Amino acid sequence: RTYLAYATYDRPIFGVSYTDLNFIGRLQRFNVRGEFTERGTLGEVSITEPFFAGKPLLFQTRAFALQRRFDGYDKAMA
């Protein structure tokens, strides 16, 4: 899925995402997303396990990288 948006702070936003609700046949949700704006980029990958330790309890593992350009300085997070 792709999307376009506009925000007053970020200005134009372009995003791409992919979601698989039955990742490797184990009912795990796999999500990957990339977002690009005038002020920076965001990348994210996550896997959600619907049953943790045999109980219906959501468990999510997530990794992301965020790079932003603010007025007057740069900041990067990971």
PDB file of N, CA and C in Angstrom:
ATOM      1  N   ARG A   1       0.844  -1.153   0.000  1.00  0.00           N
ATOM      2  CA  ARG A   1       0.000   0.000   0.000  1.00  0.00           C
ATOM      3  C   ARG A   1       0.896   1.224   0.000  1.00  0.00           C
ATOM      4  N   THR A   2       0.503   2.206  -0.719  1.00  0.00           N
ATOM      5  CA  THR A   2       1.213   3.482  -0.733  1.00  0.00           C
ATOM      6  C   THR A   2       0.239   4.583  -0.312  1.00  0.00           C
ATOM      7  N   TYR A   3       0.777   5.642   0.225  1.00  0.00           N
ATOM      8  CA  TYR A   3      -0.086   6.750   0.624  1.00  0.00           C
ATOM      9  C   TYR A   3       0.645   8.069   0.482  1.00  0.00           C
ATOM     10  N   LEU A   4      -0.126   9.097   0.252  1.00  0.00           N
ATOM     11  CA  LEU A   4       0.351  10.475   0.173  1.00  0.00           C
ATOM     12  C   LEU A   4      -0.456  11.307   1.155  1.00  0.00           C
ATOM     13  N   ALA A   5       0.207  12.237   1.809  1.00  0.00           N
ATOM     14  CA  ALA A   5      -0.486  13.107   2.759  1.00  0.00           C
ATOM     15  C   ALA A   5       0.245  14.445   2.818  1.00  0.00           C
ATOM     16  N   TYR A   6      -0.326  15.348   3.544  1.00  0.00           N
ATOM     17  CA  TYR A   6       0.302  16.646   3.755  1.00  0.00           C
ATOM     18  C   TYR A   6       0.052  17.071   5.191  1.00  0.00           C
ATOM     19  N   ALA A   7       1.107  17.481   5.871  1.00  0.00           N
ATOM     20  CA  ALA A   7       0.998  17.989   7.242  1.00  0.00           C
ATOM     21  C   ALA A   7       1.672  19.351   7.290  1.00  0.00           C
ATOM     22  N   THR A   8       1.204  20.223   8.146  1.00  0.00           N
ATOM     23  CA  THR A   8       1.760  21.570   8.195  1.00  0.00           C
ATOM     24  C   THR A   8       3.214  21.577   8.671  1.00  0.00           C
ATOM     25  N   TYR A   9       3.614  20.633   9.512  1.00  0.00           N
ATOM     26  CA  TYR A   9       4.991  20.586   9.989  1.00  0.00           C
ATOM     27  C   TYR A   9       5.885  19.780   9.048  1.00  0.00           C
ATOM     28  N   ASP A  10       5.459  18.574   8.687  1.00  0.00           N
ATOM     29  CA  ASP A  10       6.275  17.696   7.837  1.00  0.00           C
ATOM     30  C   ASP A  10       6.166  18.027   6.354  1.00  0.00           C
ATOM     31  N   ARG A  11       5.135  18.730   5.990  1.00  0.00           N
ATOM     32  CA  ARG A  11       4.803  19.065   4.607  1.00  0.00           C
ATOM     33  C   ARG A  11       4.462  17.784   3.852  1.00  0.00           C
ATOM     34  N   PRO A  12       4.819  17.612   2.572  1.00  0.00           N
ATOM     35  CA  PRO A  12       4.377  16.404   1.871  1.00  0.00           C
ATOM     36  C   PRO A  12       4.924  15.129   2.516  1.00  0.00           C
ATOM     37  N   ILE A  13       4.074  14.112   2.604  1.00  0.00           N
ATOM     38  CA  ILE A  13       4.442  12.818   3.186  1.00  0.00           C
ATOM     39  C   ILE A  13       4.152  11.743   2.144  1.00  0.00           C
ATOM     40  N   PHE A  14       5.142  10.898   1.885  1.00  0.00           N
ATOM     41  CA  PHE A  14       4.964   9.756   0.999  1.00  0.00           C
ATOM     42  C   PHE A  14       5.311   8.507   1.797  1.00  0.00           C
ATOM     43  N   GLY A  15       4.428   7.526   1.796  1.00  0.00           N
ATOM     44  CA  GLY A  15       4.663   6.318   2.562  1.00  0.00           C
ATOM     45  C   GLY A  15       4.380   5.064   1.767  1.00  0.00           C
ATOM     46  N   VAL A  16       5.082   4.009   2.146  1.00  0.00           N
ATOM     47  CA  VAL A  16       4.917   2.688   1.553  1.00  0.00           C
ATOM     48  C   VAL A  16       4.861   1.695   2.699  1.00  0.00           C
ATOM     49  N   SER A  17       3.899   0.764   2.664  1.00  0.00           N
ATOM     50  CA  SER A  17       3.822  -0.247   3.711  1.00  0.00           C
ATOM     51  C   SER A  17       3.372  -1.582   3.135  1.00  0.00           C
ATOM     52  N   TYR A  18       3.750  -2.648   3.838  1.00  0.00           N
ATOM     53  CA  TYR A  18       3.340  -3.999   3.461  1.00  0.00           C
ATOM     54  C   TYR A  18       2.997  -4.740   4.747  1.00  0.00           C
ATOM     55  N   THR A  19       1.866  -5.446   4.750  1.00  0.00           N
ATOM     56  CA  THR A  19       1.436  -6.228   5.911  1.00  0.00           C
ATOM     57  C   THR A  19       1.039  -7.618   5.462  1.00  0.00           C
ATOM     58  N   ASP A  20       1.533  -8.632   6.184  1.00  0.00           N
ATOM     59  CA  ASP A  20       1.170 -10.032   5.953  1.00  0.00           C
ATOM     60  C   ASP A  20       0.557 -10.539   7.254  1.00  0.00           C
ATOM     61  N   LEU A  21      -0.724 -10.937   7.220  1.00  0.00           N
ATOM     62  CA  LEU A  21      -1.422 -11.358   8.431  1.00  0.00           C
ATOM     63  C   LEU A  21      -1.208 -12.825   8.793  1.00  0.00           C
ATOM     64  N   ASN A  22      -0.558 -13.592   7.913  1.00  0.00           N
ATOM     65  CA  ASN A  22      -0.276 -15.004   8.182  1.00  0.00           C
ATOM     66  C   ASN A  22       1.178 -15.284   7.809  1.00  0.00           C
ATOM     67  N   PHE A  23       2.085 -14.586   8.452  1.00  0.00           N
ATOM     68  CA  PHE A  23       3.511 -14.670   8.147  1.00  0.00           C
ATOM     69  C   PHE A  23       4.025 -16.083   8.411  1.00  0.00           C
ATOM     70  N   ILE A  24       4.659 -16.653   7.442  1.00  0.00           N
ATOM     71  CA  ILE A  24       5.188 -18.031   7.425  1.00  0.00           C
ATOM     72  C   ILE A  24       4.196 -19.062   7.962  1.00  0.00           C
ATOM     73  N   GLY A  25       2.916 -18.817   7.755  1.00  0.00           N
ATOM     74  CA  GLY A  25       1.880 -19.774   8.121  1.00  0.00           C
ATOM     75  C   GLY A  25       1.656 -19.957   9.611  1.00  0.00           C
ATOM     76  N   ARG A  26       2.072 -18.998  10.433  1.00  0.00           N
ATOM     77  CA  ARG A  26       1.953 -19.119  11.886  1.00  0.00           C
ATOM     78  C   ARG A  26       1.031 -18.077  12.511  1.00  0.00           C
ATOM     79  N   LEU A  27       0.185 -17.428  11.698  1.00  0.00           N
ATOM     80  CA  LEU A  27      -0.749 -16.395  12.152  1.00  0.00           C
ATOM     81  C   LEU A  27      -0.057 -15.209  12.822  1.00  0.00           C
ATOM     82  N   GLN A  28       1.191 -15.002  12.499  1.00  0.00           N
ATOM     83  CA  GLN A  28       1.901 -13.828  12.988  1.00  0.00           C
ATOM     84  C   GLN A  28       1.692 -12.693  11.993  1.00  0.00           C
ATOM     85  N   ARG A  29       1.571 -11.479  12.501  1.00  0.00           N
ATOM     86  CA  ARG A  29       1.433 -10.316  11.623  1.00  0.00           C
ATOM     87  C   ARG A  29       2.814  -9.718  11.392  1.00  0.00           C
ATOM     88  N   PHE A  30       3.189  -9.589  10.133  1.00  0.00           N
ATOM     89  CA  PHE A  30       4.465  -8.999   9.732  1.00  0.00           C
ATOM     90  C   PHE A  30       4.168  -7.673   9.053  1.00  0.00           C
ATOM     91  N   ASN A  31       4.856  -6.624   9.456  1.00  0.00           N
ATOM     92  CA  ASN A  31       4.621  -5.300   8.899  1.00  0.00           C
ATOM     93  C   ASN A  31       5.957  -4.623   8.613  1.00  0.00           C
ATOM     94  N   VAL A  32       6.061  -4.030   7.446  1.00  0.00           N
ATOM     95  CA  VAL A  32       7.232  -3.222   7.105  1.00  0.00           C
ATOM     96  C   VAL A  32       6.710  -1.914   6.513  1.00  0.00           C
ATOM     97  N   ARG A  33       7.359  -0.796   6.875  1.00  0.00           N
ATOM     98  CA  ARG A  33       6.857   0.516   6.462  1.00  0.00           C
ATOM     99  C   ARG A  33       8.013   1.477   6.263  1.00  0.00           C
ATOM    100  N   GLY A  34       7.885   2.328   5.274  1.00  0.00           N
ATOM    101  CA  GLY A  34       8.830   3.406   5.031  1.00  0.00           C
ATOM    102  C   GLY A  34       8.058   4.690   4.789  1.00  0.00           C
ATOM    103  N   GLU A  35       8.536   5.766   5.365  1.00  0.00           N
ATOM    104  CA  GLU A  35       7.847   7.046   5.217  1.00  0.00           C
ATOM    105  C   GLU A  35       8.886   8.122   4.944  1.00  0.00           C
ATOM    106  N   PHE A  36       8.598   8.971   3.970  1.00  0.00           N
ATOM    107  CA  PHE A  36       9.532  10.001   3.539  1.00  0.00           C
ATOM    108  C   PHE A  36       8.819  11.348   3.568  1.00  0.00           C
ATOM    109  N   THR A  37       9.420  12.328   4.231  1.00  0.00           N
ATOM    110  CA  THR A  37       8.878  13.680   4.298  1.00  0.00           C
ATOM    111  C   THR A  37       9.988  14.668   3.974  1.00  0.00           C
ATOM    112  N   GLU A  38       9.617  15.924   3.910  1.00  0.00           N
ATOM    113  CA  GLU A  38      10.610  16.965   3.688  1.00  0.00           C
ATOM    114  C   GLU A  38      11.565  17.088   4.872  1.00  0.00           C
ATOM    115  N   ARG A  39      11.129  16.693   6.043  1.00  0.00           N
ATOM    116  CA  ARG A  39      11.944  16.805   7.252  1.00  0.00           C
ATOM    117  C   ARG A  39      12.699  15.538   7.632  1.00  0.00           C
ATOM    118  N   GLY A  40      12.477  14.414   6.936  1.00  0.00           N
ATOM    119  CA  GLY A  40      13.220  13.215   7.289  1.00  0.00           C
ATOM    120  C   GLY A  40      12.569  11.935   6.810  1.00  0.00           C
ATOM    121  N   THR A  41      13.092  10.822   7.303  1.00  0.00           N
ATOM    122  CA  THR A  41      12.611   9.504   6.901  1.00  0.00           C
ATOM    123  C   THR A  41      12.353   8.627   8.127  1.00  0.00           C
ATOM    124  N   LEU A  42      11.518   7.607   7.930  1.00  0.00           N
ATOM    125  CA  LEU A  42      11.201   6.630   8.965  1.00  0.00           C
ATOM    126  C   LEU A  42      11.166   5.259   8.313  1.00  0.00           C
ATOM    127  N   GLY A  43      11.807   4.281   8.936  1.00  0.00           N
ATOM    128  CA  GLY A  43      11.744   2.897   8.495  1.00  0.00           C
ATOM    129  C   GLY A  43      11.374   2.030   9.681  1.00  0.00           C
ATOM    130  N   GLU A  44      10.490   1.062   9.484  1.00  0.00           N
ATOM    131  CA  GLU A  44      10.001   0.245  10.601  1.00  0.00           C
ATOM    132  C   GLU A  44       9.708  -1.170  10.124  1.00  0.00           C
ATOM    133  N   VAL A  45      10.078  -2.151  10.953  1.00  0.00           N
ATOM    134  CA  VAL A  45       9.761  -3.558  10.718  1.00  0.00           C
ATOM    135  C   VAL A  45       9.234  -4.113  12.032  1.00  0.00           C
ATOM    136  N   SER A  46       8.102  -4.848  11.992  1.00  0.00           N
ATOM    137  CA  SER A  46       7.572  -5.429  13.224  1.00  0.00           C
ATOM    138  C   SER A  46       6.931  -6.782  12.946  1.00  0.00           C
ATOM    139  N   ILE A  47       6.966  -7.641  13.949  1.00  0.00           N
ATOM    140  CA  ILE A  47       6.291  -8.937  13.929  1.00  0.00           C
ATOM    141  C   ILE A  47       5.457  -9.016  15.204  1.00  0.00           C
ATOM    142  N   THR A  48       4.185  -9.349  15.059  1.00  0.00           N
ATOM    143  CA  THR A  48       3.279  -9.460  16.197  1.00  0.00           C
ATOM    144  C   THR A  48       2.847 -10.909  16.349  1.00  0.00           C
ATOM    145  N   GLU A  49       3.063 -11.455  17.529  1.00  0.00           N
ATOM    146  CA  GLU A  49       2.676 -12.816  17.869  1.00  0.00           C
ATOM    147  C   GLU A  49       1.352 -12.752  18.626  1.00  0.00           C
ATOM    148  N   PRO A  50       0.261 -13.376  18.102  1.00  0.00           N
ATOM    149  CA  PRO A  50      -1.036 -13.264  18.768  1.00  0.00           C
ATOM    150  C   PRO A  50      -1.172 -14.134  20.027  1.00  0.00           C
ATOM    151  N   PHE A  51      -0.327 -15.135  20.160  1.00  0.00           N
ATOM    152  CA  PHE A  51      -0.373 -16.016  21.333  1.00  0.00           C
ATOM    153  C   PHE A  51       1.020 -16.088  21.930  1.00  0.00           C
ATOM    154  N   PHE A  52       1.187 -15.519  23.112  1.00  0.00           N
ATOM    155  CA  PHE A  52       2.479 -15.533  23.795  1.00  0.00           C
ATOM    156  C   PHE A  52       2.400 -16.518  24.953  1.00  0.00           C
ATOM    157  N   ALA A  53       3.323 -17.468  24.983  1.00  0.00           N
ATOM    158  CA  ALA A  53       3.383 -18.501  26.031  1.00  0.00           C
ATOM    159  C   ALA A  53       2.079 -19.300  26.085  1.00  0.00           C
ATOM    160  N   GLY A  54       1.469 -19.554  24.916  1.00  0.00           N
ATOM    161  CA  GLY A  54       0.262 -20.364  24.857  1.00  0.00           C
ATOM    162  C   GLY A  54      -1.011 -19.658  25.271  1.00  0.00           C
ATOM    163  N   LYS A  55      -0.939 -18.401  25.584  1.00  0.00           N
ATOM    164  CA  LYS A  55      -2.111 -17.623  26.008  1.00  0.00           C
ATOM    165  C   LYS A  55      -2.437 -16.582  24.937  1.00  0.00           C
ATOM    166  N   PRO A  56      -3.708 -16.169  24.803  1.00  0.00           N
ATOM    167  CA  PRO A  56      -4.066 -15.147  23.813  1.00  0.00           C
ATOM    168  C   PRO A  56      -3.601 -13.753  24.244  1.00  0.00           C
ATOM    169  N   LEU A  57      -2.296 -13.555  24.199  1.00  0.00           N
ATOM    170  CA  LEU A  57      -1.679 -12.312  24.638  1.00  0.00           C
ATOM    171  C   LEU A  57      -0.764 -11.821  23.518  1.00  0.00           C
ATOM    172  N   LEU A  58      -0.963 -10.600  23.063  1.00  0.00           N
ATOM    173  CA  LEU A  58      -0.154 -10.057  21.975  1.00  0.00           C
ATOM    174  C   LEU A  58       1.266  -9.762  22.444  1.00  0.00           C
ATOM    175  N   PHE A  59       2.238 -10.135  21.618  1.00  0.00           N
ATOM    176  CA  PHE A  59       3.637  -9.842  21.869  1.00  0.00           C
ATOM    177  C   PHE A  59       4.208  -9.292  20.573  1.00  0.00           C
ATOM    178  N   GLN A  60       4.788  -8.101  20.608  1.00  0.00           N
ATOM    179  CA  GLN A  60       5.281  -7.465  19.396  1.00  0.00           C
ATOM    180  C   GLN A  60       6.764  -7.166  19.501  1.00  0.00           C
ATOM    181  N   THR A  61       7.490  -7.516  18.441  1.00  0.00           N
ATOM    182  CA  THR A  61       8.898  -7.169  18.303  1.00  0.00           C
ATOM    183  C   THR A  61       8.981  -6.128  17.196  1.00  0.00           C
ATOM    184  N   ARG A  62       9.669  -5.016  17.478  1.00  0.00           N
ATOM    185  CA  ARG A  62       9.685  -3.908  16.534  1.00  0.00           C
ATOM    186  C   ARG A  62      11.082  -3.309  16.464  1.00  0.00           C
ATOM    187  N   ALA A  63      11.517  -2.987  15.259  1.00  0.00           N
ATOM    188  CA  ALA A  63      12.768  -2.265  15.037  1.00  0.00           C
ATOM    189  C   ALA A  63      12.455  -1.091  14.118  1.00  0.00           C
ATOM    190  N   PHE A  64      13.026   0.055  14.420  1.00  0.00           N
ATOM    191  CA  PHE A  64      12.772   1.216  13.579  1.00  0.00           C
ATOM    192  C   PHE A  64      13.987   2.125  13.558  1.00  0.00           C
ATOM    193  N   ALA A  65      14.051   2.965  12.541  1.00  0.00           N
ATOM    194  CA  ALA A  65      15.073   4.001  12.425  1.00  0.00           C
ATOM    195  C   ALA A  65      14.363   5.285  12.009  1.00  0.00           C
ATOM    196  N   LEU A  66      14.728   6.368  12.650  1.00  0.00           N
ATOM    197  CA  LEU A  66      14.106   7.662  12.388  1.00  0.00           C
ATOM    198  C   LEU A  66      15.202   8.698  12.196  1.00  0.00           C
ATOM    199  N   GLN A  67      15.114   9.449  11.143  1.00  0.00           N
ATOM    200  CA  GLN A  67      16.060  10.520  10.879  1.00  0.00           C
ATOM    201  C   GLN A  67      15.248  11.774  10.613  1.00  0.00           C
ATOM    202  N   ARG A  68      15.525  12.847  11.362  1.00  0.00           N
ATOM    203  CA  ARG A  68      14.762  14.089  11.244  1.00  0.00           C
ATOM    204  C   ARG A  68      15.687  15.275  11.071  1.00  0.00           C
ATOM    205  N   ARG A  69      15.243  16.237  10.307  1.00  0.00           N
ATOM    206  CA  ARG A  69      15.937  17.514  10.156  1.00  0.00           C
ATOM    207  C   ARG A  69      15.055  18.596  10.761  1.00  0.00           C
ATOM    208  N   PHE A  70      15.515  19.182  11.835  1.00  0.00           N
ATOM    209  CA  PHE A  70      14.782  20.258  12.481  1.00  0.00           C
ATOM    210  C   PHE A  70      15.393  21.594  12.088  1.00  0.00           C
ATOM    211  N   ASP A  71      14.709  22.670  12.385  1.00  0.00           N
ATOM    212  CA  ASP A  71      15.224  23.990  12.057  1.00  0.00           C
ATOM    213  C   ASP A  71      16.513  24.262  12.830  1.00  0.00           C
ATOM    214  N   GLY A  72      17.629  24.355  12.115  1.00  0.00           N
ATOM    215  CA  GLY A  72      18.885  24.732  12.739  1.00  0.00           C
ATOM    216  C   GLY A  72      19.778  23.582  13.175  1.00  0.00           C
ATOM    217  N   TYR A  73      19.297  22.326  13.239  1.00  0.00           N
ATOM    218  CA  TYR A  73      20.156  21.208  13.627  1.00  0.00           C
ATOM    219  C   TYR A  73      19.577  19.902  13.107  1.00  0.00           C
ATOM    220  N   ASP A  74      20.416  18.846  13.125  1.00  0.00           N
ATOM    221  CA  ASP A  74      20.004  17.511  12.678  1.00  0.00           C
ATOM    222  C   ASP A  74      19.952  16.577  13.867  1.00  0.00           C
ATOM    223  N   LYS A  75      19.082  15.567  13.802  1.00  0.00           N
ATOM    224  CA  LYS A  75      18.949  14.583  14.871  1.00  0.00           C
ATOM    225  C   LYS A  75      18.652  13.235  14.248  1.00  0.00           C
ATOM    226  N   ALA A  76      19.316  12.180  14.717  1.00  0.00           N
ATOM    227  CA  ALA A  76      19.064  10.824  14.225  1.00  0.00           C
ATOM    228  C   ALA A  76      18.844   9.909  15.410  1.00  0.00           C
ATOM    229  N   MET A  77      17.870   9.020  15.312  1.00  0.00           N
ATOM    230  CA  MET A  77      17.561   8.058  16.381  1.00  0.00           C
ATOM    231  C   MET A  77      17.515   6.666  15.776  1.00  0.00           C
ATOM    232  N   ALA A  78      17.851   5.677  16.575  1.00  0.00           N
ATOM    233  CA  ALA A  78      17.721   4.280  16.125  1.00  0.00           C
ATOM    234  C   ALA A  78      17.451   3.392  17.320  1.00  0.00           C
TER     235      ALA A  78
END
